[in-house]
C-alpha atoms as a PDB file:
ATOM      1  CA  MET A   1     221.675 180.863  98.924  1.00  0.00           C
ATOM      2  CA  SER A   2     223.523 177.823 100.234  1.00  0.00           C
ATOM      3  CA  VAL A   3     221.142 175.425 101.971  1.00  0.00           C
ATOM      4  CA  ARG A   4     222.316 173.432 104.964  1.00  0.00           C
ATOM      5  CA  THR A   5     219.510 173.273 107.551  1.00  0.00           C
ATOM      6  CA  ILE A   6     216.092 172.079 106.394  1.00  0.00           C
ATOM      7  CA  LEU A   7     212.767 171.550 108.141  1.00  0.00           C
ATOM      8  CA  VAL A   8     210.223 169.171 106.610  1.00  0.00           C
ATOM      9  CA  CYS A   9     206.685 169.887 107.803  1.00  0.00           C
ATOM     10  CA  GLU A  10     203.798 167.472 108.219  1.00  0.00           C
ATOM     11  CA  ALA A  11     200.277 167.682 109.587  1.00  0.00           C
ATOM     12  CA  GLN A  12     200.032 164.441 111.543  1.00  0.00           C
ATOM     13  CA  VAL A  13     196.824 162.676 112.511  1.00  0.00           C
ATOM     14  CA  PRO A  14     197.814 160.759 115.650  1.00  0.00           C
ATOM     15  CA  PHE A  15     197.663 156.970 115.328  1.00  0.00           C
ATOM     16  CA  VAL A  16     197.466 157.161 111.532  1.00  0.00           C
ATOM     17  CA  HIS A  17     200.486 156.017 109.558  1.00  0.00           C
ATOM     18  CA  GLY A  18     199.923 155.904 105.815  1.00  0.00           C
ATOM     19  CA  GLY A  19     201.496 157.066 102.581  1.00  0.00           C
ATOM     20  CA  ALA A  20     201.745 160.730 103.579  1.00  0.00           C
ATOM     21  CA  GLU A  21     203.536 159.881 106.823  1.00  0.00           C
ATOM     22  CA  ILE A  22     205.966 157.578 105.026  1.00  0.00           C
ATOM     23  CA  HIS A  23     206.517 160.259 102.379  1.00  0.00           C
ATOM     24  CA  VAL A  24     207.871 162.926 104.726  1.00  0.00           C
ATOM     25  CA  ARG A  25     209.971 160.521 106.773  1.00  0.00           C
ATOM     26  CA  GLU A  26     211.593 159.151 103.661  1.00  0.00           C
ATOM     27  CA  LEU A  27     212.303 162.711 102.513  1.00  0.00           C
ATOM     28  CA  VAL A  28     214.066 163.502 105.796  1.00  0.00           C
ATOM     29  CA  ARG A  29     216.097 160.303 105.507  1.00  0.00           C
ATOM     30  CA  GLU A  30     217.133 161.054 101.923  1.00  0.00           C
ATOM     31  CA  LEU A  31     218.111 164.630 102.798  1.00  0.00           C
ATOM     32  CA  ARG A  32     220.291 163.418 105.667  1.00  0.00           C
ATOM     33  CA  ALA A  33     221.884 160.805 103.427  1.00  0.00           C
ATOM     34  CA  ARG A  34     223.025 163.665 101.189  1.00  0.00           C
ATOM     35  CA  GLY A  35     224.602 165.648 104.012  1.00  0.00           C
ATOM     36  CA  TYR A  36     221.807 168.084 104.871  1.00  0.00           C
ATOM     37  CA  GLU A  37     220.794 168.734 108.471  1.00  0.00           C
ATOM     38  CA  ALA A  38     217.111 167.864 108.220  1.00  0.00           C
ATOM     39  CA  GLU A  39     214.426 167.592 110.892  1.00  0.00           C
ATOM     40  CA  LEU A  40     210.734 166.695 110.779  1.00  0.00           C
ATOM     41  CA  VAL A  41     208.233 169.150 112.281  1.00  0.00           C
ATOM     42  CA  SER A  42     204.862 167.555 113.105  1.00  0.00           C
ATOM     43  CA  VAL A  43     201.723 169.269 114.367  1.00  0.00           C
ATOM     44  CA  PRO A  44     198.593 167.222 115.186  1.00  0.00           C
ATOM     45  CA  PHE A  45     195.642 167.743 112.845  1.00  0.00           C
ATOM     46  CA  LYS A  46     191.927 167.218 113.518  1.00  0.00           C
ATOM     47  CA  TRP A  47     189.375 167.756 110.799  1.00  0.00           C
ATOM     48  CA  TYR A  48     186.133 167.202 112.705  1.00  0.00           C
ATOM     49  CA  PRO A  49     183.934 168.885 113.520  1.00  0.00           C
ATOM     50  CA  LYS A  50     184.516 171.163 110.540  1.00  0.00           C
ATOM     51  CA  GLU A  51     184.883 174.126 112.905  1.00  0.00           C
ATOM     52  CA  GLU A  52     188.281 172.683 113.887  1.00  0.00           C
ATOM     53  CA  ILE A  53     189.808 172.928 110.402  1.00  0.00           C
ATOM     54  CA  LEU A  54     190.545 176.660 110.350  1.00  0.00           C
ATOM     55  CA  PRO A  55     191.964 176.771 113.921  1.00  0.00           C
ATOM     56  CA  HIS A  56     194.344 173.950 113.020  1.00  0.00           C
ATOM     57  CA  ALA A  57     195.411 175.872 109.924  1.00  0.00           C
ATOM     58  CA  ALA A  58     195.879 178.990 112.077  1.00  0.00           C
ATOM     59  CA  ALA A  59     198.154 177.017 114.408  1.00  0.00           C
ATOM     60  CA  TRP A  60     200.564 176.478 111.514  1.00  0.00           C
ATOM     61  CA  ARG A  61     200.340 180.164 110.568  1.00  0.00           C
ATOM     62  CA  LEU A  62     201.487 181.122 114.055  1.00  0.00           C
ATOM     63  CA  LEU A  63     204.735 179.200 113.560  1.00  0.00           C
ATOM     64  CA  ASP A  64     207.807 181.238 112.651  1.00  0.00           C
ATOM     65  CA  LEU A  65     210.307 178.678 111.417  1.00  0.00           C
ATOM     66  CA  SER A  66     213.035 181.132 110.459  1.00  0.00           C
ATOM     67  CA  GLU A  67     215.393 179.853 113.161  1.00  0.00           C
ATOM     68  CA  SER A  68     215.671 177.312 115.970  1.00  0.00           C
ATOM     69  CA  ASN A  69     217.784 177.547 119.118  1.00  0.00           C
ATOM     70  CA  GLY A  70     219.538 180.572 117.640  1.00  0.00           C
ATOM     71  CA  ARG A  71     220.399 178.765 114.385  1.00  0.00           C
ATOM     72  CA  PRO A  72     218.919 179.960 111.098  1.00  0.00           C
ATOM     73  CA  ILE A  73     216.763 177.519 109.139  1.00  0.00           C
ATOM     74  CA  ASP A  74     217.734 177.759 105.486  1.00  0.00           C
ATOM     75  CA  LEU A  75     214.737 176.006 103.933  1.00  0.00           C
ATOM     76  CA  VAL A  76     211.259 174.809 104.882  1.00  0.00           C
ATOM     77  CA  ILE A  77     209.607 172.061 102.832  1.00  0.00           C
ATOM     78  CA  ALA A  78     205.857 171.846 103.374  1.00  0.00           C
ATOM     79  CA  SER A  79     203.745 168.821 102.466  1.00  0.00           C
ATOM     80  CA  LYS A  80     199.982 168.464 102.875  1.00  0.00           C
ATOM     81  CA  PHE A  81     197.389 170.913 104.239  1.00  0.00           C
ATOM     82  CA  PRO A  82     197.915 172.978 106.335  1.00  0.00           C
ATOM     83  CA  SER A  83     201.703 172.667 106.795  1.00  0.00           C
ATOM     84  CA  TYR A  84     202.308 175.239 104.042  1.00  0.00           C
ATOM     85  CA  PHE A  85     200.720 177.908 106.251  1.00  0.00           C
ATOM     86  CA  ALA A  86     203.964 178.105 108.275  1.00  0.00           C
ATOM     87  CA  ARG A  87     206.005 181.299 107.938  1.00  0.00           C
ATOM     88  CA  HIS A  88     209.444 181.257 106.345  1.00  0.00           C
ATOM     89  CA  SER A  89     211.170 183.417 103.742  1.00  0.00           C
ATOM     90  CA  ASN A  90     212.430 180.362 101.836  1.00  0.00           C
ATOM     91  CA  LYS A  91     209.431 178.047 101.776  1.00  0.00           C
ATOM     92  CA  VAL A  92     208.944 175.304  99.200  1.00  0.00           C
ATOM     93  CA  ALA A  93     205.889 173.075  98.924  1.00  0.00           C
ATOM     94  CA  TRP A  94     206.005 169.469  97.782  1.00  0.00           C
ATOM     95  CA  LEU A  95     202.267 169.114  97.890  1.00  0.00           C
ATOM     96  CA  ILE A  96     200.854 165.708  98.760  1.00  0.00           C
ATOM     97  CA  HIS A  97     197.314 167.061  98.828  1.00  0.00           C
ATOM     98  CA  GLN A  98     195.131 169.866 100.074  1.00  0.00           C
ATOM     99  CA  TYR A  99     192.106 169.200 102.269  1.00  0.00           C
ATOM    100  CA  ARG A 100     190.454 167.078  99.604  1.00  0.00           C
ATOM    101  CA  ALA A 101     187.002 166.960 101.201  1.00  0.00           C
ATOM    102  CA  ALA A 102     186.697 170.670 100.383  1.00  0.00           C
ATOM    103  CA  TYR A 103     187.999 170.245  96.848  1.00  0.00           C
ATOM    104  CA  GLU A 104     187.149 167.597  94.259  1.00  0.00           C
ATOM    105  CA  LEU A 105     185.551 165.263  96.801  1.00  0.00           C
ATOM    106  CA  ALA A 106     182.935 167.852  97.850  1.00  0.00           C
ATOM    107  CA  GLY A 107     179.474 166.662  96.899  1.00  0.00           C
ATOM    108  CA  THR A 108     180.568 163.029  96.570  1.00  0.00           C
ATOM    109  CA  PRO A 109     180.025 160.145  99.022  1.00  0.00           C
ATOM    110  CA  TYR A 110     183.666 160.592 100.098  1.00  0.00           C
ATOM    111  CA  SER A 111     183.179 164.059 101.633  1.00  0.00           C
ATOM    112  CA  ASP A 112     181.098 165.540 104.444  1.00  0.00           C
ATOM    113  CA  PHE A 113     180.930 168.911 102.648  1.00  0.00           C
ATOM    114  CA  ALA A 114     177.374 169.545 101.443  1.00  0.00           C
ATOM    115  CA  HIS A 115     175.733 172.380  99.503  1.00  0.00           C
ATOM    116  CA  THR A 116     174.792 174.307 102.638  1.00  0.00           C
ATOM    117  CA  ASP A 117     175.669 177.949 103.206  1.00  0.00           C
ATOM    118  CA  SER A 118     178.108 177.105 105.992  1.00  0.00           C
ATOM    119  CA  ASP A 119     179.875 174.351 104.039  1.00  0.00           C
ATOM    120  CA  VAL A 120     180.117 176.411 100.867  1.00  0.00           C
ATOM    121  CA  GLY A 121     181.478 179.350 102.864  1.00  0.00           C
ATOM    122  CA  LEU A 122     184.099 177.195 104.589  1.00  0.00           C
ATOM    123  CA  ARG A 123     185.081 175.573 101.311  1.00  0.00           C
ATOM    124  CA  ASP A 124     185.543 178.965  99.628  1.00  0.00           C
ATOM    125  CA  ARG A 125     187.572 180.187 102.587  1.00  0.00           C
ATOM    126  CA  LEU A 126     189.865 177.141 102.513  1.00  0.00           C
ATOM    127  CA  ILE A 127     190.482 177.421  98.787  1.00  0.00           C
ATOM    128  CA  ASP A 128     191.251 181.141  99.104  1.00  0.00           C
ATOM    129  CA  LEU A 129     193.660 180.558 101.991  1.00  0.00           C
ATOM    130  CA  ASP A 130     195.380 177.708 100.157  1.00  0.00           C
ATOM    131  CA  THR A 131     195.873 179.923  97.120  1.00  0.00           C
ATOM    132  CA  ARG A 132     197.481 182.637  99.240  1.00  0.00           C
ATOM    133  CA  MET A 133     199.640 180.365 101.402  1.00  0.00           C
ATOM    134  CA  LEU A 134     200.907 178.266  98.506  1.00  0.00           C
ATOM    135  CA  GLY A 135     201.433 181.488  96.561  1.00  0.00           C
ATOM    136  CA  GLU A 136     203.987 182.503  99.205  1.00  0.00           C
ATOM    137  CA  CYS A 137     206.162 179.514  98.342  1.00  0.00           C
ATOM    138  CA  ARG A 138     209.309 180.102  96.322  1.00  0.00           C
ATOM    139  CA  ARG A 139     208.452 177.014  94.294  1.00  0.00           C
ATOM    140  CA  VAL A 140     205.559 174.571  94.338  1.00  0.00           C
ATOM    141  CA  PHE A 141     205.929 170.909  93.429  1.00  0.00           C
ATOM    142  CA  THR A 142     203.430 168.076  93.687  1.00  0.00           C
ATOM    143  CA  ASN A 143     203.743 164.328  94.162  1.00  0.00           C
ATOM    144  CA  ALA A 144     201.846 163.598  90.911  1.00  0.00           C
ATOM    145  CA  ARG A 145     200.310 165.166  87.815  1.00  0.00           C
ATOM    146  CA  ASN A 146     196.874 164.576  89.304  1.00  0.00           C
ATOM    147  CA  THR A 147     197.721 166.818  92.269  1.00  0.00           C
ATOM    148  CA  ALA A 148     199.162 169.474  89.962  1.00  0.00           C
ATOM    149  CA  ALA A 149     196.014 169.452  87.833  1.00  0.00           C
ATOM    150  CA  ARG A 150     193.844 169.973  90.925  1.00  0.00           C
ATOM    151  CA  LEU A 151     196.044 172.864  92.028  1.00  0.00           C
ATOM    152  CA  ALA A 152     195.722 174.530  88.621  1.00  0.00           C
ATOM    153  CA  LYS A 153     191.952 173.989  88.453  1.00  0.00           C
ATOM    154  CA  PHE A 154     190.996 175.245  91.911  1.00  0.00           C
ATOM    155  CA  ASN A 155     193.830 177.620  92.847  1.00  0.00           C
ATOM    156  CA  GLY A 156     195.205 178.831  89.520  1.00  0.00           C
ATOM    157  CA  LEU A 157     198.721 177.813  90.563  1.00  0.00           C
ATOM    158  CA  GLN A 158     201.229 175.903  88.457  1.00  0.00           C
ATOM    159  CA  ALA A 159     203.325 173.116  89.944  1.00  0.00           C
ATOM    160  CA  GLU A 160     205.869 170.591  88.736  1.00  0.00           C
ATOM    161  CA  PRO A 161     205.242 166.917  89.596  1.00  0.00           C
ATOM    162  CA  LEU A 162     208.119 165.120  91.329  1.00  0.00           C
ATOM    163  CA  TYR A 163     207.908 161.342  91.540  1.00  0.00           C
ATOM    164  CA  HIS A 164     209.862 159.400  94.120  1.00  0.00           C
ATOM    165  CA  PRO A 165     210.455 155.690  94.699  1.00  0.00           C
ATOM    166  CA  PRO A 166     208.619 153.882  97.507  1.00  0.00           C
ATOM    167  CA  ARG A 167     210.354 153.107 100.782  1.00  0.00           C
ATOM    168  CA  LEU A 168     210.592 149.384 100.080  1.00  0.00           C
ATOM    169  CA  ALA A 169     211.967 149.861  96.559  1.00  0.00           C
ATOM    170  CA  PRO A 170     215.411 148.262  97.135  1.00  0.00           C
ATOM    171  CA  ARG A 171     213.910 145.173  98.764  1.00  0.00           C
ATOM    172  CA  LEU A 172     211.001 144.257  96.488  1.00  0.00           C
ATOM    173  CA  THR A 173     211.598 141.085  94.485  1.00  0.00           C
ATOM    174  CA  PRO A 174     209.516 138.994  92.077  1.00  0.00           C
ATOM    175  CA  GLY A 175     208.349 135.481  92.856  1.00  0.00           C
ATOM    176  CA  ALA A 176     205.616 133.085  91.823  1.00  0.00           C
ATOM    177  CA  TYR A 177     202.330 134.301  90.375  1.00  0.00           C
ATOM    178  CA  GLY A 178     200.152 132.709  93.009  1.00  0.00           C
ATOM    179  CA  ASP A 179     196.462 132.209  93.662  1.00  0.00           C
ATOM    180  CA  TYR A 180     195.693 135.545  95.319  1.00  0.00           C
ATOM    181  CA  ILE A 181     195.148 139.173  94.385  1.00  0.00           C
ATOM    182  CA  LEU A 182     196.830 141.583  96.798  1.00  0.00           C
ATOM    183  CA  CYS A 183     195.193 144.784  98.061  1.00  0.00           C
ATOM    184  CA  VAL A 184     197.456 147.108 100.080  1.00  0.00           C
ATOM    185  CA  GLY A 185     196.588 150.282 101.963  1.00  0.00           C
ATOM    186  CA  ARG A 186     194.190 151.894 104.381  1.00  0.00           C
ATOM    187  CA  ILE A 187     190.631 150.573 104.408  1.00  0.00           C
ATOM    188  CA  GLU A 188     188.762 153.838 103.897  1.00  0.00           C
ATOM    189  CA  SER A 189     185.758 154.705 101.729  1.00  0.00           C
ATOM    190  CA  VAL A 190     187.813 156.596  99.144  1.00  0.00           C
ATOM    191  CA  LYS A 191     190.169 153.621  98.726  1.00  0.00           C
ATOM    192  CA  ARG A 192     187.213 151.472  97.571  1.00  0.00           C
ATOM    193  CA  VAL A 193     188.393 148.166  98.982  1.00  0.00           C
ATOM    194  CA  ASP A 194     184.725 147.152  98.716  1.00  0.00           C
ATOM    195  CA  LEU A 195     185.097 147.012  94.935  1.00  0.00           C
ATOM    196  CA  ALA A 196     187.859 144.409  95.229  1.00  0.00           C
ATOM    197  CA  ILE A 197     185.772 142.338  97.667  1.00  0.00           C
ATOM    198  CA  SER A 198     182.713 142.457  95.424  1.00  0.00           C
ATOM    199  CA  ALA A 199     184.894 141.519  92.453  1.00  0.00           C
ATOM    200  CA  ILE A 200     186.420 138.460  94.095  1.00  0.00           C
ATOM    201  CA  ALA A 201     182.879 137.246  94.831  1.00  0.00           C
ATOM    202  CA  LYS A 202     182.317 137.074  91.078  1.00  0.00           C
ATOM    203  CA  CYS A 203     185.480 135.045  90.435  1.00  0.00           C
ATOM    204  CA  GLY A 204     186.037 131.302  90.516  1.00  0.00           C
ATOM    205  CA  GLN A 205     186.705 129.541  93.800  1.00  0.00           C
ATOM    206  CA  GLY A 206     190.415 129.174  93.063  1.00  0.00           C
ATOM    207  CA  LEU A 207     191.141 132.892  93.436  1.00  0.00           C
ATOM    208  CA  ARG A 208     191.575 134.692  96.773  1.00  0.00           C
ATOM    209  CA  LEU A 209     191.872 138.313  97.926  1.00  0.00           C
ATOM    210  CA  VAL A 210     194.447 139.295 100.551  1.00  0.00           C
ATOM    211  CA  ILE A 211     194.018 142.722 102.169  1.00  0.00           C
ATOM    212  CA  ALA A 212     197.028 144.205 103.969  1.00  0.00           C
ATOM    213  CA  GLY A 213     195.948 147.332 105.807  1.00  0.00           C
ATOM    214  CA  ASP A 214     193.572 148.735 108.381  1.00  0.00           C
ATOM    215  CA  GLY A 215     191.245 151.695 108.668  1.00  0.00           C
ATOM    216  CA  THR A 216     187.915 153.086 109.772  1.00  0.00           C
ATOM    217  CA  GLN A 217     185.997 151.005 107.220  1.00  0.00           C
ATOM    218  CA  ARG A 218     187.474 147.623 108.070  1.00  0.00           C
ATOM    219  CA  ALA A 219     184.394 146.401 109.949  1.00  0.00           C
ATOM    220  CA  ASN A 220     182.177 147.379 107.030  1.00  0.00           C
ATOM    221  CA  ALA A 221     184.520 145.612 104.599  1.00  0.00           C
ATOM    222  CA  GLU A 222     184.440 142.458 106.723  1.00  0.00           C
ATOM    223  CA  ARG A 223     180.635 142.576 106.820  1.00  0.00           C
ATOM    224  CA  LEU A 224     180.568 142.945 103.028  1.00  0.00           C
ATOM    225  CA  ALA A 225     182.807 139.903 102.565  1.00  0.00           C
ATOM    226  CA  GLN A 226     180.451 137.890 104.740  1.00  0.00           C
ATOM    227  CA  SER A 227     177.312 139.171 103.035  1.00  0.00           C
ATOM    228  CA  VAL A 228     178.558 138.184  99.560  1.00  0.00           C
ATOM    229  CA  GLY A 229     179.759 134.815 100.816  1.00  0.00           C
ATOM    230  CA  VAL A 230     183.526 135.181 100.410  1.00  0.00           C
ATOM    231  CA  GLN A 231     184.643 135.452 104.037  1.00  0.00           C
ATOM    232  CA  ASP A 232     186.668 132.278 103.477  1.00  0.00           C
ATOM    233  CA  ARG A 233     188.407 133.718 100.394  1.00  0.00           C
ATOM    234  CA  VAL A 234     189.174 137.203 101.703  1.00  0.00           C
ATOM    235  CA  ALA A 235     191.972 137.526 104.266  1.00  0.00           C
ATOM    236  CA  PHE A 236     192.045 140.697 106.378  1.00  0.00           C
ATOM    237  CA  LEU A 237     195.609 140.855 107.694  1.00  0.00           C
ATOM    238  CA  GLY A 238     195.475 144.347 109.186  1.00  0.00           C
ATOM    239  CA  SER A 239     198.676 146.378 109.244  1.00  0.00           C
ATOM    240  CA  VAL A 240     201.622 144.129 108.462  1.00  0.00           C
ATOM    241  CA  GLY A 241     205.371 144.453 108.905  1.00  0.00           C
ATOM    242  CA  ASP A 242     207.812 145.001 106.079  1.00  0.00           C
ATOM    243  CA  GLU A 243     208.917 141.369 105.822  1.00  0.00           C
ATOM    244  CA  THR A 244     205.345 140.148 105.492  1.00  0.00           C
ATOM    245  CA  LEU A 245     204.512 142.833 102.958  1.00  0.00           C
ATOM    246  CA  LEU A 246     207.539 141.955 100.850  1.00  0.00           C
ATOM    247  CA  GLU A 247     206.442 138.304 100.820  1.00  0.00           C
ATOM    248  CA  LEU A 248     202.885 139.265  99.897  1.00  0.00           C
ATOM    249  CA  TYR A 249     204.039 141.327  96.921  1.00  0.00           C
ATOM    250  CA  ARG A 250     206.497 138.618  95.887  1.00  0.00           C
ATOM    251  CA  ASP A 251     203.969 135.811  95.479  1.00  0.00           C
ATOM    252  CA  ALA A 252     200.799 137.659  94.430  1.00  0.00           C
ATOM    253  CA  LEU A 253     199.211 137.038  91.045  1.00  0.00           C
ATOM    254  CA  ALA A 254     198.493 140.757  90.726  1.00  0.00           C
ATOM    255  CA  VAL A 255     197.826 143.855  92.819  1.00  0.00           C
ATOM    256  CA  VAL A 256     194.463 145.617  92.824  1.00  0.00           C
ATOM    257  CA  TYR A 257     194.473 149.347  93.530  1.00  0.00           C
ATOM    258  CA  PRO A 258     191.041 150.906  92.834  1.00  0.00           C
ATOM    259  CA  PRO A 259     190.879 154.193  94.832  1.00  0.00           C
ATOM    260  CA  PHE A 260     188.774 157.144  93.732  1.00  0.00           C
ATOM    261  CA  ASP A 261     190.905 159.987  92.310  1.00  0.00           C
ATOM    262  CA  GLU A 262     194.083 159.082  94.203  1.00  0.00           C
ATOM    263  CA  ASP A 263     197.003 161.510  94.009  1.00  0.00           C
ATOM    264  CA  PHE A 264     200.019 159.217  93.832  1.00  0.00           C
ATOM    265  CA  GLY A 265     199.923 156.015  95.830  1.00  0.00           C
ATOM    266  CA  TYR A 266     202.987 153.940  96.626  1.00  0.00           C
ATOM    267  CA  VAL A 267     201.130 150.736  95.859  1.00  0.00           C
ATOM    268  CA  THR A 268     201.412 151.046  92.084  1.00  0.00           C
ATOM    269  CA  LEU A 269     205.187 151.415  92.116  1.00  0.00           C
ATOM    270  CA  GLU A 270     205.644 148.786  94.810  1.00  0.00           C
ATOM    271  CA  ALA A 271     203.700 146.308  92.705  1.00  0.00           C
ATOM    272  CA  PHE A 272     205.719 147.134  89.602  1.00  0.00           C
ATOM    273  CA  LEU A 273     209.013 146.740  91.458  1.00  0.00           C
ATOM    274  CA  ALA A 274     207.858 143.247  92.431  1.00  0.00           C
ATOM    275  CA  ARG A 275     207.028 142.699  88.732  1.00  0.00           C
ATOM    276  CA  LYS A 276     203.304 142.404  89.397  1.00  0.00           C
ATOM    277  CA  PRO A 277     200.600 143.822  87.111  1.00  0.00           C
ATOM    278  CA  VAL A 278     198.258 146.395  88.632  1.00  0.00           C
ATOM    279  CA  VAL A 279     194.476 146.391  88.253  1.00  0.00           C
ATOM    280  CA  THR A 280     193.097 149.902  88.689  1.00  0.00           C
ATOM    281  CA  CYS A 281     190.104 151.959  87.546  1.00  0.00           C
ATOM    282  CA  THR A 282     189.465 154.648  84.967  1.00  0.00           C
ATOM    283  CA  ASP A 283     188.662 157.187  87.714  1.00  0.00           C
ATOM    284  CA  SER A 284     191.494 156.235  90.079  1.00  0.00           C
ATOM    285  CA  GLY A 285     193.621 159.268  89.200  1.00  0.00           C
ATOM    286  CA  GLY A 286     197.319 158.976  90.062  1.00  0.00           C
ATOM    287  CA  PRO A 287     197.734 155.235  89.355  1.00  0.00           C
ATOM    288  CA  ASN A 288     196.859 155.949  85.739  1.00  0.00           C
ATOM    289  CA  GLU A 289     199.985 158.073  85.428  1.00  0.00           C
ATOM    290  CA  PHE A 290     201.859 154.755  85.537  1.00  0.00           C
ATOM    291  CA  VAL A 291     199.420 151.993  84.600  1.00  0.00           C
ATOM    292  CA  VAL A 292     198.830 151.644  80.863  1.00  0.00           C
ATOM    293  CA  HIS A 293     195.996 149.302  79.982  1.00  0.00           C
ATOM    294  CA  GLY A 294     197.231 146.159  78.309  1.00  0.00           C
ATOM    295  CA  GLU A 295     200.883 147.141  78.651  1.00  0.00           C
ATOM    296  CA  ASN A 296     201.671 146.812  82.354  1.00  0.00           C
ATOM    297  CA  GLY A 297     198.276 146.304  83.936  1.00  0.00           C
ATOM    298  CA  VAL A 298     194.533 146.576  83.503  1.00  0.00           C
ATOM    299  CA  VAL A 299     192.491 149.787  83.680  1.00  0.00           C
ATOM    300  CA  CYS A 300     188.785 149.041  83.937  1.00  0.00           C
ATOM    301  CA  GLU A 301     185.519 150.684  84.867  1.00  0.00           C
ATOM    302  CA  PRO A 302     184.959 151.049  88.643  1.00  0.00           C
ATOM    303  CA  VAL A 303     182.437 148.222  88.832  1.00  0.00           C
ATOM    304  CA  ALA A 304     182.877 144.795  90.373  1.00  0.00           C
ATOM    305  CA  GLU A 305     182.113 142.924  87.139  1.00  0.00           C
ATOM    306  CA  ALA A 306     184.903 144.650  85.206  1.00  0.00           C
ATOM    307  CA  ILE A 307     187.424 144.155  87.999  1.00  0.00           C
ATOM    308  CA  ALA A 308     186.449 140.480  88.289  1.00  0.00           C
ATOM    309  CA  ASP A 309     187.011 140.045  84.557  1.00  0.00           C
ATOM    310  CA  ALA A 310     190.488 141.532  84.968  1.00  0.00           C
ATOM    311  CA  PHE A 311     191.280 139.161  87.845  1.00  0.00           C
ATOM    312  CA  GLU A 312     190.137 136.098  85.950  1.00  0.00           C
ATOM    313  CA  SER A 313     191.932 137.032  82.742  1.00  0.00           C
ATOM    314  CA  LEU A 314     195.217 137.252  84.653  1.00  0.00           C
ATOM    315  CA  ALA A 315     194.534 133.989  86.489  1.00  0.00           C
ATOM    316  CA  ALA A 316     193.846 132.278  83.161  1.00  0.00           C
ATOM    317  CA  ASP A 317     197.173 133.407  81.650  1.00  0.00           C
ATOM    318  CA  ARG A 318     199.962 133.748  84.191  1.00  0.00           C
ATOM    319  CA  GLY A 319     202.471 134.238  81.377  1.00  0.00           C
ATOM    320  CA  ARG A 320     200.604 137.407  80.417  1.00  0.00           C
ATOM    321  CA  ALA A 321     200.537 138.486  84.067  1.00  0.00           C
ATOM    322  CA  ALA A 322     204.327 138.088  84.211  1.00  0.00           C
ATOM    323  CA  ALA A 323     204.819 140.034  80.964  1.00  0.00           C
ATOM    324  CA  LEU A 324     202.677 142.906  82.240  1.00  0.00           C
ATOM    325  CA  GLY A 325     204.614 142.893  85.504  1.00  0.00           C
ATOM    326  CA  ASP A 326     207.935 143.005  83.672  1.00  0.00           C
ATOM    327  CA  ALA A 327     206.753 146.039  81.708  1.00  0.00           C
ATOM    328  CA  GLY A 328     205.712 147.723  84.933  1.00  0.00           C
ATOM    329  CA  PHE A 329     209.135 147.095  86.424  1.00  0.00           C
ATOM    330  CA  GLU A 330     210.748 148.992  83.543  1.00  0.00           C
ATOM    331  CA  VAL A 331     208.582 152.015  84.391  1.00  0.00           C
ATOM    332  CA  ALA A 332     209.237 151.968  88.139  1.00  0.00           C
ATOM    333  CA  ARG A 333     212.975 151.279  88.108  1.00  0.00           C
ATOM    334  CA  ARG A 334     213.741 154.641  86.460  1.00  0.00           C
ATOM    335  CA  ILE A 335     212.316 156.667  89.367  1.00  0.00           C
ATOM    336  CA  SER A 336     214.917 157.872  91.884  1.00  0.00           C
ATOM    337  CA  TRP A 337     215.331 160.339  94.740  1.00  0.00           C
ATOM    338  CA  ASP A 338     218.255 162.255  93.231  1.00  0.00           C
ATOM    339  CA  GLY A 339     216.250 164.540  90.962  1.00  0.00           C
ATOM    340  CA  VAL A 340     213.639 165.133  93.669  1.00  0.00           C
ATOM    341  CA  ILE A 341     216.208 166.369  96.205  1.00  0.00           C
ATOM    342  CA  GLU A 342     217.957 168.561  93.646  1.00  0.00           C
ATOM    343  CA  LYS A 343     214.657 170.260  92.738  1.00  0.00           C
ATOM    344  CA  LEU A 344     213.463 170.762  96.303  1.00  0.00           C
ATOM    345  CA  VAL A 345     216.734 172.156  97.586  1.00  0.00           C
ATOM    346  CA  GLY A 346     217.172 174.330  94.534  1.00  0.00           C
ATOM    347  CA  THR A 347     220.351 172.856  93.116  1.00  0.00           C
ATOM    348  CA  SER A 348     218.606 171.987  89.858  1.00  0.00           C
END
């Protein structure tokens, strides 16, 4: 069928604006740039208490997106849980992630799902519903191999990873390799900003950590910086504008990105496009689809000592830092939106 009108669906947590929110808005923009009539459909999502999760999924299931104002909708593109519960005969998923607390994070410090009868029952129900709802999709794509692997493991569904460039891609430029390590993103437990703070405490006085981002764990991160005596070497900038972020990438020595089992993460590609090496961890997931240890960054164990060693080795040899960043740039510059749009719309 010929596709003209497209709805992109997102489950939006009010007052939160992170990678997933940028992802869908960039998709709408790229679709419009190619002549499609695209609109974003957002429904608020609340995940606590756990009893709210299924009703919020049911709200998406009640939506019939086959037409709007008498006009047929040719294609629906779903993103993260539970947007793919919406009803449409031509539904495609570009999966950012499922409700991760019920999946691989269950039983870890990053999830509130425990081994109780009620939690196990809810988890099983969510996985079963995901399998059925995603199984309705004409095609299923993911934003990374890590996401596809999770889908295969828990739901028995196959998906093709589609990588896309970050929003700031055309504007990122290299600069000096300065005296600070940059950490970008939400300050949440699963992002493990605490590892970067603990690592900088083990480095020489000439090295700083700059954190651009906000989140529910910011106060705890600030307390940690004070408790380990580096409050004067760790800058908490909060959410910053594009111009500031571009400058921060430009003049950083390196970028640290140590989340636990991340799916994709714009930060890796943003750093590479600014020709900066990335320090990540062996269990960080998606970043390791791009970061190759010793070639364009450093992949180390998720402990402060190992991360500190990586920081200091880059500070001691800025020529090596630049060479790693150059290699990262060659990886990131080949990623474009064209193939993504062709796959999602079905022209490829």
